[in-house]
Amino acid sequence: MTASDYIDDNVYIIQQMRRIPALAGFDPVQFEALLKLSRIKQYQSGNLIFEEGSYTNFIYYLICGRAKIVKNGKILAVLSRAGDIFGEIAPIAGTARSASVYAEAPSICLEIDTSSFDKAVADDKYTFRYIMYRGFAEVLAHRLKKTTEDLIAARKEIDSLK
């Protein structure tokens, strides 16, 4: 099935979202509050999701499909697992987008405006933020570990060429 087959199947979309590790920590009330602060976006193959250098507060969770991360015309990564997150660095750091992201296939994403975190249910505001930012931290730690491993391998290769 393609993303367009799923867009009208709210049950499927909710099930996929509940499987996303970063979102699994939300209880039903918090999850409903998150949905109110979010929107489901559908992209066709080749559609620009966001452009390098742009400023937005949106983060994205891939529900289905594939998203291609591009920097200076070079593909850095292709995300294809339900729950893959992208676009989180710019809102956290308050900087411009460091890369562009395109749908590489028909895709469905959960788009969350991080500036709306303060609109979460007052009693759960800090719990809500904690769950979201803990998810970000886990993803960023994994990516940093991978980047460090790649850097070490590149340095070894450079040393062997000397």
Protein backbone atom coordinates (compact mmCIF):
# COMPACT_ATOMS: atom_id res chain seq x y z
CA MET A 1 0.00 0.00 0.00
CA THR A 2 1.13 3.55 -0.65
CA ALA A 3 0.85 6.63 1.56
CA SER A 4 -2.22 7.76 -0.36
CA ASP A 5 -3.93 4.47 0.55
CA TYR A 6 -3.39 5.28 4.23
CA ILE A 7 -4.24 8.98 4.41
CA ASP A 8 -7.95 8.26 4.75
CA ASP A 9 -7.36 5.47 7.26
CA ASN A 10 -7.19 7.35 10.56
CA VAL A 11 -7.00 4.11 12.52
CA TYR A 12 -3.83 3.11 10.64
CA ILE A 13 -2.26 6.55 11.17
CA ILE A 14 -3.03 6.54 14.89
CA GLN A 15 -1.68 2.99 15.24
CA GLN A 16 1.54 3.96 13.49
CA MET A 17 1.91 7.05 15.66
CA ARG A 18 1.41 5.03 18.85
CA ARG A 19 4.30 2.78 17.74
CA ILE A 20 6.72 5.68 17.51
CA PRO A 21 9.01 5.28 20.55
CA ALA A 22 9.19 9.03 21.22
CA LEU A 23 5.38 9.21 21.31
CA ALA A 24 4.72 5.95 23.14
CA GLY A 25 5.30 7.63 26.52
CA PHE A 26 2.19 9.77 26.20
CA ASP A 27 -0.89 8.61 28.05
CA PRO A 28 -4.16 8.82 26.06
CA VAL A 29 -5.01 12.35 27.28
CA GLN A 30 -1.52 13.66 26.49
CA PHE A 31 -1.54 11.88 23.13
CA GLU A 32 -4.84 13.56 22.27
CA ALA A 33 -3.36 16.92 23.28
CA LEU A 34 -0.39 16.24 21.01
CA LEU A 35 -2.73 15.50 18.11
CA LYS A 36 -4.43 18.85 18.66
CA LEU A 37 -1.03 20.57 18.35
CA SER A 38 -0.14 18.63 15.21
CA ARG A 39 -1.27 17.91 11.72
CA ILE A 40 -0.91 15.03 9.35
CA LYS A 41 0.76 16.01 6.09
CA GLN A 42 0.85 13.99 2.90
CA TYR A 43 3.65 14.44 0.38
CA GLN A 44 4.05 13.06 -3.10
CA SER A 45 7.37 11.74 -4.37
CA GLY A 46 9.73 14.66 -4.98
CA ASN A 47 7.78 17.18 -2.87
CA LEU A 48 9.88 19.54 -0.76
CA ILE A 49 9.02 19.13 2.92
CA PHE A 50 11.29 21.97 4.04
CA GLU A 51 14.21 23.86 2.57
CA GLU A 52 17.73 24.34 3.89
CA GLY A 53 18.09 27.82 5.37
CA SER A 54 14.40 28.21 6.22
CA TYR A 55 13.20 29.06 9.73
CA THR A 56 10.28 27.13 11.18
CA ASN A 57 9.37 25.54 14.49
CA PHE A 58 8.12 22.31 12.95
CA ILE A 59 9.47 18.84 13.61
CA TYR A 60 8.38 15.81 11.64
CA TYR A 61 7.77 12.16 12.38
CA LEU A 62 7.61 9.87 9.39
CA ILE A 63 4.48 7.75 9.58
CA CYS A 64 5.03 5.98 6.27
CA GLY A 65 6.99 6.54 3.07
CA ARG A 66 10.55 7.80 2.64
CA ALA A 67 12.16 11.18 3.33
CA LYS A 68 15.46 12.19 1.72
CA ILE A 69 17.75 14.60 3.60
CA VAL A 70 19.85 16.71 1.22
CA LYS A 71 22.68 19.17 1.97
CA ASN A 72 24.43 21.12 -0.78
CA GLY A 73 22.88 18.81 -3.36
CA LYS A 74 24.21 15.64 -1.69
CA ILE A 75 22.01 13.02 -0.08
CA LEU A 76 22.93 12.65 3.59
CA ALA A 77 20.31 10.07 4.52
CA VAL A 78 17.05 8.47 3.48
CA LEU A 79 14.62 7.84 6.31
CA SER A 80 12.12 5.04 5.85
CA ARG A 81 11.09 3.70 9.25
CA ALA A 82 7.82 4.70 10.84
CA GLY A 83 8.82 7.01 13.67
CA ASP A 84 11.94 8.43 12.06
CA ILE A 85 12.20 12.05 13.18
CA PHE A 86 13.62 14.93 11.17
CA GLY A 87 13.70 18.69 11.37
CA GLU A 88 14.25 18.69 15.13
CA ILE A 89 17.60 20.48 15.29
CA ALA A 90 16.49 23.89 13.98
CA PRO A 91 13.62 24.37 16.46
CA ILE A 92 15.69 23.12 19.39
CA ALA A 93 18.72 25.27 18.51
CA GLY A 94 16.68 28.22 17.22
CA THR A 95 18.62 28.19 13.96
CA ALA A 96 17.89 27.90 10.27
CA ARG A 97 17.35 24.47 8.73
CA SER A 98 20.72 22.83 8.08
CA ALA A 99 19.47 20.67 5.20
CA SER A 100 16.53 20.25 2.86
CA VAL A 101 14.14 17.32 3.10
CA TYR A 102 12.17 15.83 0.21
CA ALA A 103 9.67 13.02 0.03
CA GLU A 104 11.44 10.27 -1.88
CA ALA A 105 8.19 8.34 -2.21
CA PRO A 106 4.59 9.15 -1.34
CA SER A 107 4.82 9.82 2.39
CA ILE A 108 2.76 10.75 5.41
CA CYS A 109 4.29 12.76 8.25
CA LEU A 110 3.14 14.04 11.60
CA GLU A 111 4.07 17.73 11.71
CA ILE A 112 4.37 19.26 15.17
CA ASP A 113 4.80 22.97 15.87
CA THR A 114 7.22 23.03 18.82
CA SER A 115 6.17 26.59 19.67
CA SER A 116 2.79 25.11 20.60
CA PHE A 117 4.26 22.99 23.41
CA ASP A 118 3.29 25.75 25.83
CA LYS A 119 -0.34 25.23 24.78
CA ALA A 120 -0.34 21.70 26.16
CA VAL A 121 -2.69 20.91 28.99
CA ALA A 122 -1.50 23.14 31.85
CA ASP A 123 -1.18 20.32 34.38
CA ASP A 124 0.80 18.21 31.94
CA LYS A 125 2.88 20.94 30.30
CA TYR A 126 6.18 19.86 31.85
CA THR A 127 5.50 16.15 31.44
CA PHE A 128 4.57 16.83 27.82
CA ARG A 129 7.83 18.71 27.19
CA TYR A 130 9.86 16.08 29.03
CA ILE A 131 8.49 13.25 26.88
CA MET A 132 9.07 15.18 23.63
CA TYR A 133 12.56 16.38 24.48
CA ARG A 134 13.62 13.02 25.85
CA GLY A 135 12.65 11.53 22.48
CA PHE A 136 14.72 14.20 20.73
CA ALA A 137 17.68 13.52 23.02
CA GLU A 138 17.59 9.79 22.27
CA VAL A 139 17.53 10.41 18.52
CA LEU A 140 20.30 13.01 18.68
CA ALA A 141 22.47 10.77 20.88
CA HIS A 142 22.10 7.92 18.37
CA ARG A 143 22.97 10.24 15.47
CA LEU A 144 25.96 11.68 17.33
CA LYS A 145 27.26 8.16 18.02
CA LYS A 146 26.91 7.26 14.32
CA THR A 147 28.61 10.50 13.26
CA THR A 148 31.49 9.87 15.69
CA GLU A 149 31.93 6.34 14.33
CA ASP A 150 31.94 7.69 10.76
CA LEU A 151 34.49 10.37 11.71
CA ILE A 152 36.80 7.79 13.30
CA ALA A 153 36.56 5.57 10.22
CA ALA A 154 37.28 8.55 7.93
CA ARG A 155 40.31 9.55 10.00
CA LYS A 156 41.67 5.99 9.86
CA GLU A 157 41.23 5.98 6.10
CA ILE A 158 42.96 9.37 5.78
CA ASP A 159 45.84 8.14 7.98
CA SER A 160 46.23 5.01 5.84
CA LEU A 161 46.49 7.18 2.70
CA LYS A 162 49.34 9.29 4.13
